[in-house]
Amino acid sequence: MKGKSIVKKWILVIAVLFITVGCELDQGKSNFIPAEVTKVVDGDTVKVMVNGQEETVRMLLIDTPETVHPTKPVQPYGSEASHFVKEMLNGQTIQLEMDIGERDKYGRLLAYVYVNDQMVNKLLLKKGLARVAYVFEPNTKYVDDFYEIQKQARQQAIGIWSMENYATDQGFNDESDKLQQSSNTKNGNGCSIKGNINSNGEKIYHTEESSSYHVTKPEEIFCTEEEAVAAGYRAVKR
């Protein structure tokens, strides 16, 4: 009888261990939440459906230039960041990885956003379309990785880092685009269309109506859009 009692105790211990391990695994998985993207608000904010409820998601640890701010104009590279996220996420099923703090003071979900096993937060930093920002404990899981990615983009002077004194620790300097305007904006014939080759090797031209016109460093200047197209350039996507 004593032997049977010991066996029962061991069975009970093993059962408890299995239950405990199972709970821990479930907690780990619960950090990821599937969601359907319904709208891209701007480069760092999207609206999603989660369990039949619409939520606004703010991407953790990054900040992209403004495109929909009620009191600010569209900031340089804001349109590019927004377009990039729209291309990746519109209508997609995504995974939201939560950190410790789930929501911000506005009630938005705070998350690292994944699509096709790629983290969008990191991609925006890598392409120079976002800066590391809003680093508050305890939501700092990937902050070291993010700073390293930002460092590389800054060294390559791509996107927001192509403009001197634009991306700062306090935000994006709206005055820097004025400081960037130079005497070579127009050539001696009054031509003003800027031809620029981006980091992907695409030839893109910018007219003075483009939101990123004043921050674009031209490889060539054209008098007409027809000249730019003939030289192999396409219009910037607004």
C-alpha atoms as a PDB file:
ATOM      1  CA  MET A   1       0.000   0.000   0.000  1.00  0.00           C
ATOM      2  CA  LYS A   2       2.833   2.345   0.847  1.00  0.00           C
ATOM      3  CA  GLY A   3       4.416   1.721  -2.550  1.00  0.00           C
ATOM      4  CA  LYS A   4       1.155   2.549  -4.326  1.00  0.00           C
ATOM      5  CA  SER A   5       0.866   5.756  -2.317  1.00  0.00           C
ATOM      6  CA  ILE A   6       4.343   6.874  -3.421  1.00  0.00           C
ATOM      7  CA  VAL A   7       3.510   6.102  -7.065  1.00  0.00           C
ATOM      8  CA  LYS A   8       0.311   8.168  -6.814  1.00  0.00           C
ATOM      9  CA  LYS A   9       2.275  11.084  -5.358  1.00  0.00           C
ATOM     10  CA  TRP A  10       4.767  10.983  -8.238  1.00  0.00           C
ATOM     11  CA  ILE A  11       1.954  10.824 -10.775  1.00  0.00           C
ATOM     12  CA  LEU A  12       0.394  13.886  -9.127  1.00  0.00           C
ATOM     13  CA  VAL A  13       3.735  15.777  -9.214  1.00  0.00           C
ATOM     14  CA  ILE A  14       4.270  14.973 -12.901  1.00  0.00           C
ATOM     15  CA  ALA A  15       0.723  16.052 -13.748  1.00  0.00           C
ATOM     16  CA  VAL A  16       1.237  19.369 -11.964  1.00  0.00           C
ATOM     17  CA  LEU A  17       4.502  19.923 -13.874  1.00  0.00           C
ATOM     18  CA  PHE A  18       2.803  19.302 -17.214  1.00  0.00           C
ATOM     19  CA  ILE A  19       0.019  21.744 -16.340  1.00  0.00           C
ATOM     20  CA  THR A  20       2.531  24.384 -15.231  1.00  0.00           C
ATOM     21  CA  VAL A  21       4.667  24.052 -18.363  1.00  0.00           C
ATOM     22  CA  GLY A  22       1.572  24.156 -20.550  1.00  0.00           C
ATOM     23  CA  CYS A  23       0.416  27.367 -18.902  1.00  0.00           C
ATOM     24  CA  GLU A  24       3.818  28.971 -19.419  1.00  0.00           C
ATOM     25  CA  LEU A  25       3.762  28.067 -23.099  1.00  0.00           C
ATOM     26  CA  ASP A  26       0.293  29.519 -23.494  1.00  0.00           C
ATOM     27  CA  GLN A  27       1.424  32.732 -21.822  1.00  0.00           C
ATOM     28  CA  GLY A  28       4.331  32.952 -24.250  1.00  0.00           C
ATOM     29  CA  LYS A  29       2.061  32.495 -27.232  1.00  0.00           C
ATOM     30  CA  SER A  30      -0.389  35.069 -25.881  1.00  0.00           C
ATOM     31  CA  ASN A  31       2.165  37.814 -26.639  1.00  0.00           C
ATOM     32  CA  PHE A  32       1.186  37.391 -30.315  1.00  0.00           C
ATOM     33  CA  ILE A  33      -2.266  38.390 -31.473  1.00  0.00           C
ATOM     34  CA  PRO A  34      -3.587  37.853 -35.032  1.00  0.00           C
ATOM     35  CA  ALA A  35      -5.311  40.869 -36.571  1.00  0.00           C
ATOM     36  CA  GLU A  36      -6.745  42.087 -39.877  1.00  0.00           C
ATOM     37  CA  VAL A  37      -5.574  45.489 -41.117  1.00  0.00           C
ATOM     38  CA  THR A  38      -8.513  47.740 -42.050  1.00  0.00           C
ATOM     39  CA  LYS A  39      -6.675  51.030 -42.551  1.00  0.00           C
ATOM     40  CA  VAL A  40      -3.160  52.464 -42.517  1.00  0.00           C
ATOM     41  CA  VAL A  41      -3.390  55.820 -40.726  1.00  0.00           C
ATOM     42  CA  ASP A  42       0.223  56.817 -41.287  1.00  0.00           C
ATOM     43  CA  GLY A  43       3.714  55.349 -41.103  1.00  0.00           C
ATOM     44  CA  ASP A  44       3.526  54.175 -37.501  1.00  0.00           C
ATOM     45  CA  THR A  45      -0.216  53.771 -36.848  1.00  0.00           C
ATOM     46  CA  VAL A  46      -2.748  51.316 -38.267  1.00  0.00           C
ATOM     47  CA  LYS A  47      -6.323  50.285 -37.573  1.00  0.00           C
ATOM     48  CA  VAL A  48      -7.060  46.584 -37.218  1.00  0.00           C
ATOM     49  CA  MET A  49      -9.820  44.149 -36.360  1.00  0.00           C
ATOM     50  CA  VAL A  50      -9.065  41.963 -33.339  1.00  0.00           C
ATOM     51  CA  ASN A  51     -11.667  39.427 -32.240  1.00  0.00           C
ATOM     52  CA  GLY A  52     -14.381  41.368 -34.048  1.00  0.00           C
ATOM     53  CA  GLN A  53     -13.411  44.709 -32.518  1.00  0.00           C
ATOM     54  CA  GLU A  54     -11.609  47.595 -34.243  1.00  0.00           C
ATOM     55  CA  GLU A  55      -8.440  48.751 -32.520  1.00  0.00           C
ATOM     56  CA  THR A  56      -5.854  51.409 -33.274  1.00  0.00           C
ATOM     57  CA  VAL A  57      -2.301  50.079 -33.126  1.00  0.00           C
ATOM     58  CA  ARG A  58       0.721  52.296 -32.494  1.00  0.00           C
ATOM     59  CA  MET A  59       4.022  50.635 -33.437  1.00  0.00           C
ATOM     60  CA  LEU A  60       6.360  50.392 -30.481  1.00  0.00           C
ATOM     61  CA  LEU A  61       9.668  52.263 -30.157  1.00  0.00           C
ATOM     62  CA  ILE A  62       9.499  54.126 -33.487  1.00  0.00           C
ATOM     63  CA  ASP A  63       8.257  57.439 -34.858  1.00  0.00           C
ATOM     64  CA  THR A  64       7.671  58.353 -38.503  1.00  0.00           C
ATOM     65  CA  PRO A  65       7.207  61.890 -39.882  1.00  0.00           C
ATOM     66  CA  GLU A  66       3.673  63.300 -39.698  1.00  0.00           C
ATOM     67  CA  THR A  67       1.175  63.076 -42.541  1.00  0.00           C
ATOM     68  CA  VAL A  68      -2.177  63.453 -40.743  1.00  0.00           C
ATOM     69  CA  HIS A  69      -1.370  65.753 -37.822  1.00  0.00           C
ATOM     70  CA  PRO A  70      -4.228  68.270 -37.292  1.00  0.00           C
ATOM     71  CA  THR A  71      -1.882  71.265 -36.827  1.00  0.00           C
ATOM     72  CA  LYS A  72       1.234  70.272 -38.791  1.00  0.00           C
ATOM     73  CA  PRO A  73       1.899  70.077 -42.533  1.00  0.00           C
ATOM     74  CA  VAL A  74       3.013  66.819 -44.119  1.00  0.00           C
ATOM     75  CA  GLN A  75       6.607  66.370 -42.986  1.00  0.00           C
ATOM     76  CA  PRO A  76       9.425  65.226 -45.283  1.00  0.00           C
ATOM     77  CA  TYR A  77       9.465  61.431 -45.729  1.00  0.00           C
ATOM     78  CA  GLY A  78       6.097  61.110 -43.995  1.00  0.00           C
ATOM     79  CA  SER A  79       4.369  60.265 -47.269  1.00  0.00           C
ATOM     80  CA  GLU A  80       7.085  57.756 -48.140  1.00  0.00           C
ATOM     81  CA  ALA A  81       6.716  56.027 -44.760  1.00  0.00           C
ATOM     82  CA  SER A  82       2.931  55.930 -45.046  1.00  0.00           C
ATOM     83  CA  HIS A  83       3.083  54.598 -48.610  1.00  0.00           C
ATOM     84  CA  PHE A  84       5.558  51.891 -47.603  1.00  0.00           C
ATOM     85  CA  VAL A  85       3.316  50.672 -44.787  1.00  0.00           C
ATOM     86  CA  LYS A  86       0.217  50.773 -47.007  1.00  0.00           C
ATOM     87  CA  GLU A  87       1.991  48.640 -49.611  1.00  0.00           C
ATOM     88  CA  MET A  88       2.919  46.086 -46.943  1.00  0.00           C
ATOM     89  CA  LEU A  89      -0.160  45.982 -44.730  1.00  0.00           C
ATOM     90  CA  ASN A  90      -3.357  47.079 -46.493  1.00  0.00           C
ATOM     91  CA  GLY A  91      -5.856  44.230 -46.225  1.00  0.00           C
ATOM     92  CA  GLN A  92      -3.268  41.884 -44.728  1.00  0.00           C
ATOM     93  CA  THR A  93      -3.499  39.465 -41.825  1.00  0.00           C
ATOM     94  CA  ILE A  94      -0.773  40.455 -39.388  1.00  0.00           C
ATOM     95  CA  GLN A  95       0.623  39.404 -36.034  1.00  0.00           C
ATOM     96  CA  LEU A  96       0.863  41.862 -33.157  1.00  0.00           C
ATOM     97  CA  GLU A  97       3.587  41.128 -30.649  1.00  0.00           C
ATOM     98  CA  MET A  98       2.793  42.788 -27.353  1.00  0.00           C
ATOM     99  CA  ASP A  99       5.400  43.952 -24.873  1.00  0.00           C
ATOM    100  CA  ILE A 100       4.703  44.471 -21.168  1.00  0.00           C
ATOM    101  CA  GLY A 101       2.563  47.607 -21.291  1.00  0.00           C
ATOM    102  CA  GLU A 102      -0.398  46.921 -23.572  1.00  0.00           C
ATOM    103  CA  ARG A 103      -1.828  50.417 -24.234  1.00  0.00           C
ATOM    104  CA  ASP A 104      -0.770  54.054 -24.307  1.00  0.00           C
ATOM    105  CA  LYS A 105      -2.583  56.979 -22.664  1.00  0.00           C
ATOM    106  CA  TYR A 106      -4.812  57.314 -25.737  1.00  0.00           C
ATOM    107  CA  GLY A 107      -6.020  53.731 -25.454  1.00  0.00           C
ATOM    108  CA  ARG A 108      -4.108  52.540 -28.527  1.00  0.00           C
ATOM    109  CA  LEU A 109      -2.583  49.065 -28.572  1.00  0.00           C
ATOM    110  CA  LEU A 110       1.212  49.153 -28.476  1.00  0.00           C
ATOM    111  CA  ALA A 111       2.830  46.450 -30.563  1.00  0.00           C
ATOM    112  CA  TYR A 112       5.573  45.169 -32.807  1.00  0.00           C
ATOM    113  CA  VAL A 113       3.837  44.502 -36.125  1.00  0.00           C
ATOM    114  CA  TYR A 114       4.660  41.467 -38.261  1.00  0.00           C
ATOM    115  CA  VAL A 115       3.632  40.532 -41.785  1.00  0.00           C
ATOM    116  CA  ASN A 116       5.055  37.497 -43.600  1.00  0.00           C
ATOM    117  CA  ASP A 117       7.459  36.977 -40.670  1.00  0.00           C
ATOM    118  CA  GLN A 118       8.939  40.463 -41.095  1.00  0.00           C
ATOM    119  CA  MET A 119       8.745  43.102 -38.369  1.00  0.00           C
ATOM    120  CA  VAL A 120       7.508  46.348 -39.914  1.00  0.00           C
ATOM    121  CA  ASN A 121       8.963  48.459 -37.081  1.00  0.00           C
ATOM    122  CA  LYS A 122      12.463  47.260 -38.017  1.00  0.00           C
ATOM    123  CA  LEU A 123      11.914  47.674 -41.761  1.00  0.00           C
ATOM    124  CA  LEU A 124      10.916  51.325 -41.330  1.00  0.00           C
ATOM    125  CA  LEU A 125      14.098  51.974 -39.351  1.00  0.00           C
ATOM    126  CA  LYS A 126      16.209  50.095 -41.894  1.00  0.00           C
ATOM    127  CA  LYS A 127      14.862  52.182 -44.793  1.00  0.00           C
ATOM    128  CA  GLY A 128      15.436  55.457 -42.964  1.00  0.00           C
ATOM    129  CA  LEU A 129      11.710  56.163 -42.699  1.00  0.00           C
ATOM    130  CA  ALA A 130      11.517  56.174 -38.897  1.00  0.00           C
ATOM    131  CA  ARG A 131      13.574  57.070 -35.845  1.00  0.00           C
ATOM    132  CA  VAL A 132      13.812  55.264 -32.506  1.00  0.00           C
ATOM    133  CA  ALA A 133      11.469  57.075 -30.123  1.00  0.00           C
ATOM    134  CA  TYR A 134       9.225  56.825 -27.082  1.00  0.00           C
ATOM    135  CA  VAL A 135      11.588  54.503 -25.238  1.00  0.00           C
ATOM    136  CA  PHE A 136       9.826  53.949 -21.933  1.00  0.00           C
ATOM    137  CA  GLU A 137      10.167  51.042 -19.547  1.00  0.00           C
ATOM    138  CA  PRO A 138       8.958  48.360 -19.525  1.00  0.00           C
ATOM    139  CA  ASN A 139       8.340  48.319 -23.312  1.00  0.00           C
ATOM    140  CA  THR A 140      11.978  48.056 -24.383  1.00  0.00           C
ATOM    141  CA  LYS A 141      12.314  44.466 -25.592  1.00  0.00           C
ATOM    142  CA  TYR A 142      13.993  45.293 -28.919  1.00  0.00           C
ATOM    143  CA  VAL A 143      15.406  48.733 -28.197  1.00  0.00           C
ATOM    144  CA  ASP A 144      19.067  47.681 -28.561  1.00  0.00           C
ATOM    145  CA  ASP A 145      18.392  46.090 -31.952  1.00  0.00           C
ATOM    146  CA  PHE A 146      16.463  49.165 -33.039  1.00  0.00           C
ATOM    147  CA  TYR A 147      19.272  51.546 -32.124  1.00  0.00           C
ATOM    148  CA  GLU A 148      21.746  49.415 -34.097  1.00  0.00           C
ATOM    149  CA  ILE A 149      19.512  49.430 -37.180  1.00  0.00           C
ATOM    150  CA  GLN A 150      19.054  53.192 -36.862  1.00  0.00           C
ATOM    151  CA  LYS A 151      22.808  53.663 -36.584  1.00  0.00           C
ATOM    152  CA  GLN A 152      23.336  51.837 -39.892  1.00  0.00           C
ATOM    153  CA  ALA A 153      20.635  53.884 -41.678  1.00  0.00           C
ATOM    154  CA  ARG A 154      22.171  57.062 -40.316  1.00  0.00           C
ATOM    155  CA  GLN A 155      25.618  56.075 -41.526  1.00  0.00           C
ATOM    156  CA  GLN A 156      24.178  55.418 -44.991  1.00  0.00           C
ATOM    157  CA  ALA A 157      22.426  58.830 -44.883  1.00  0.00           C
ATOM    158  CA  ILE A 158      19.181  57.406 -46.260  1.00  0.00           C
ATOM    159  CA  GLY A 159      15.660  58.733 -45.844  1.00  0.00           C
ATOM    160  CA  ILE A 160      15.236  61.012 -42.844  1.00  0.00           C
ATOM    161  CA  TRP A 161      18.994  60.808 -42.231  1.00  0.00           C
ATOM    162  CA  SER A 162      19.772  62.396 -45.600  1.00  0.00           C
ATOM    163  CA  MET A 163      18.689  65.740 -44.151  1.00  0.00           C
ATOM    164  CA  GLU A 164      21.011  67.468 -41.762  1.00  0.00           C
ATOM    165  CA  ASN A 165      19.454  68.174 -38.333  1.00  0.00           C
ATOM    166  CA  TYR A 166      16.037  66.847 -39.395  1.00  0.00           C
ATOM    167  CA  ALA A 167      15.608  63.751 -37.207  1.00  0.00           C
ATOM    168  CA  THR A 168      16.423  64.594 -33.594  1.00  0.00           C
ATOM    169  CA  ASP A 169      15.870  63.060 -30.172  1.00  0.00           C
ATOM    170  CA  GLN A 170      12.993  65.492 -29.696  1.00  0.00           C
ATOM    171  CA  GLY A 171      11.289  64.739 -33.011  1.00  0.00           C
ATOM    172  CA  PHE A 172      11.451  65.988 -36.587  1.00  0.00           C
ATOM    173  CA  ASN A 173      12.715  69.522 -37.109  1.00  0.00           C
ATOM    174  CA  ASP A 174      10.195  71.300 -39.340  1.00  0.00           C
ATOM    175  CA  GLU A 175      12.643  74.137 -39.965  1.00  0.00           C
ATOM    176  CA  SER A 176      15.357  71.894 -41.388  1.00  0.00           C
ATOM    177  CA  ASP A 177      13.761  71.702 -44.833  1.00  0.00           C
ATOM    178  CA  LYS A 178      14.121  75.485 -45.107  1.00  0.00           C
ATOM    179  CA  LEU A 179      17.756  75.224 -44.080  1.00  0.00           C
ATOM    180  CA  GLN A 180      18.267  72.541 -46.744  1.00  0.00           C
ATOM    181  CA  GLN A 181      17.181  74.763 -49.619  1.00  0.00           C
ATOM    182  CA  SER A 182      20.227  75.683 -51.633  1.00  0.00           C
ATOM    183  CA  SER A 183      21.160  77.818 -54.553  1.00  0.00           C
ATOM    184  CA  ASN A 184      21.168  74.814 -56.878  1.00  0.00           C
ATOM    185  CA  THR A 185      17.392  74.353 -56.572  1.00  0.00           C
ATOM    186  CA  LYS A 186      17.104  76.125 -59.916  1.00  0.00           C
ATOM    187  CA  ASN A 187      19.707  76.253 -62.614  1.00  0.00           C
ATOM    188  CA  GLY A 188      20.563  79.295 -64.685  1.00  0.00           C
ATOM    189  CA  ASN A 189      17.622  78.681 -67.042  1.00  0.00           C
ATOM    190  CA  GLY A 190      15.102  78.655 -64.209  1.00  0.00           C
ATOM    191  CA  CYS A 191      14.584  74.867 -64.401  1.00  0.00           C
ATOM    192  CA  SER A 192      13.493  73.399 -61.093  1.00  0.00           C
ATOM    193  CA  ILE A 193      12.459  69.721 -61.424  1.00  0.00           C
ATOM    194  CA  LYS A 194      14.770  67.569 -59.336  1.00  0.00           C
ATOM    195  CA  GLY A 195      15.889  64.127 -60.477  1.00  0.00           C
ATOM    196  CA  ASN A 196      17.005  61.869 -57.638  1.00  0.00           C
ATOM    197  CA  ILE A 197      18.129  58.237 -57.491  1.00  0.00           C
ATOM    198  CA  ASN A 198      16.899  56.526 -54.321  1.00  0.00           C
ATOM    199  CA  SER A 199      18.552  53.768 -52.285  1.00  0.00           C
ATOM    200  CA  ASN A 200      16.896  51.099 -54.488  1.00  0.00           C
ATOM    201  CA  GLY A 201      18.364  52.633 -57.641  1.00  0.00           C
ATOM    202  CA  GLU A 202      15.018  54.044 -58.827  1.00  0.00           C
ATOM    203  CA  LYS A 203      15.116  57.294 -60.754  1.00  0.00           C
ATOM    204  CA  ILE A 204      12.465  59.643 -59.351  1.00  0.00           C
ATOM    205  CA  TYR A 205      11.696  63.257 -60.175  1.00  0.00           C
ATOM    206  CA  HIS A 206      10.214  65.837 -57.813  1.00  0.00           C
ATOM    207  CA  THR A 207       8.329  68.975 -58.766  1.00  0.00           C
ATOM    208  CA  GLU A 208       7.970  71.949 -56.431  1.00  0.00           C
ATOM    209  CA  GLU A 209       4.521  70.650 -55.411  1.00  0.00           C
ATOM    210  CA  SER A 210       6.052  67.457 -53.966  1.00  0.00           C
ATOM    211  CA  SER A 211       6.022  67.255 -50.155  1.00  0.00           C
ATOM    212  CA  SER A 212       9.644  66.080 -50.201  1.00  0.00           C
ATOM    213  CA  TYR A 213      10.865  68.580 -52.819  1.00  0.00           C
ATOM    214  CA  HIS A 214      12.911  70.815 -50.533  1.00  0.00           C
ATOM    215  CA  VAL A 215      14.705  67.886 -48.876  1.00  0.00           C
ATOM    216  CA  THR A 216      15.597  66.123 -52.114  1.00  0.00           C
ATOM    217  CA  LYS A 217      19.200  66.272 -53.251  1.00  0.00           C
ATOM    218  CA  PRO A 218      19.144  66.300 -57.077  1.00  0.00           C
ATOM    219  CA  GLU A 219      21.414  64.270 -59.316  1.00  0.00           C
ATOM    220  CA  GLU A 220      19.940  66.151 -62.277  1.00  0.00           C
ATOM    221  CA  ILE A 221      17.758  69.223 -62.864  1.00  0.00           C
ATOM    222  CA  PHE A 222      15.047  69.232 -65.566  1.00  0.00           C
ATOM    223  CA  CYS A 223      12.980  72.015 -67.077  1.00  0.00           C
ATOM    224  CA  THR A 224       9.923  69.864 -67.808  1.00  0.00           C
ATOM    225  CA  GLU A 225       8.445  66.590 -66.617  1.00  0.00           C
ATOM    226  CA  GLU A 226       8.732  65.291 -70.172  1.00  0.00           C
ATOM    227  CA  GLU A 227      12.506  65.760 -70.015  1.00  0.00           C
ATOM    228  CA  ALA A 228      12.645  63.848 -66.726  1.00  0.00           C
ATOM    229  CA  VAL A 229      10.591  60.959 -68.121  1.00  0.00           C
ATOM    230  CA  ALA A 230      12.757  60.845 -71.254  1.00  0.00           C
ATOM    231  CA  ALA A 231      15.818  60.532 -69.003  1.00  0.00           C
ATOM    232  CA  GLY A 232      14.305  57.479 -67.284  1.00  0.00           C
ATOM    233  CA  TYR A 233      12.778  59.124 -64.217  1.00  0.00           C
ATOM    234  CA  ARG A 234       9.282  58.637 -62.851  1.00  0.00           C
ATOM    235  CA  ALA A 235       7.170  60.991 -60.755  1.00  0.00           C
ATOM    236  CA  VAL A 236       7.406  60.668 -56.976  1.00  0.00           C
ATOM    237  CA  LYS A 237       4.468  58.822 -55.408  1.00  0.00           C
ATOM    238  CA  ARG A 238       2.500  61.222 -53.246  1.00  0.00           C
END
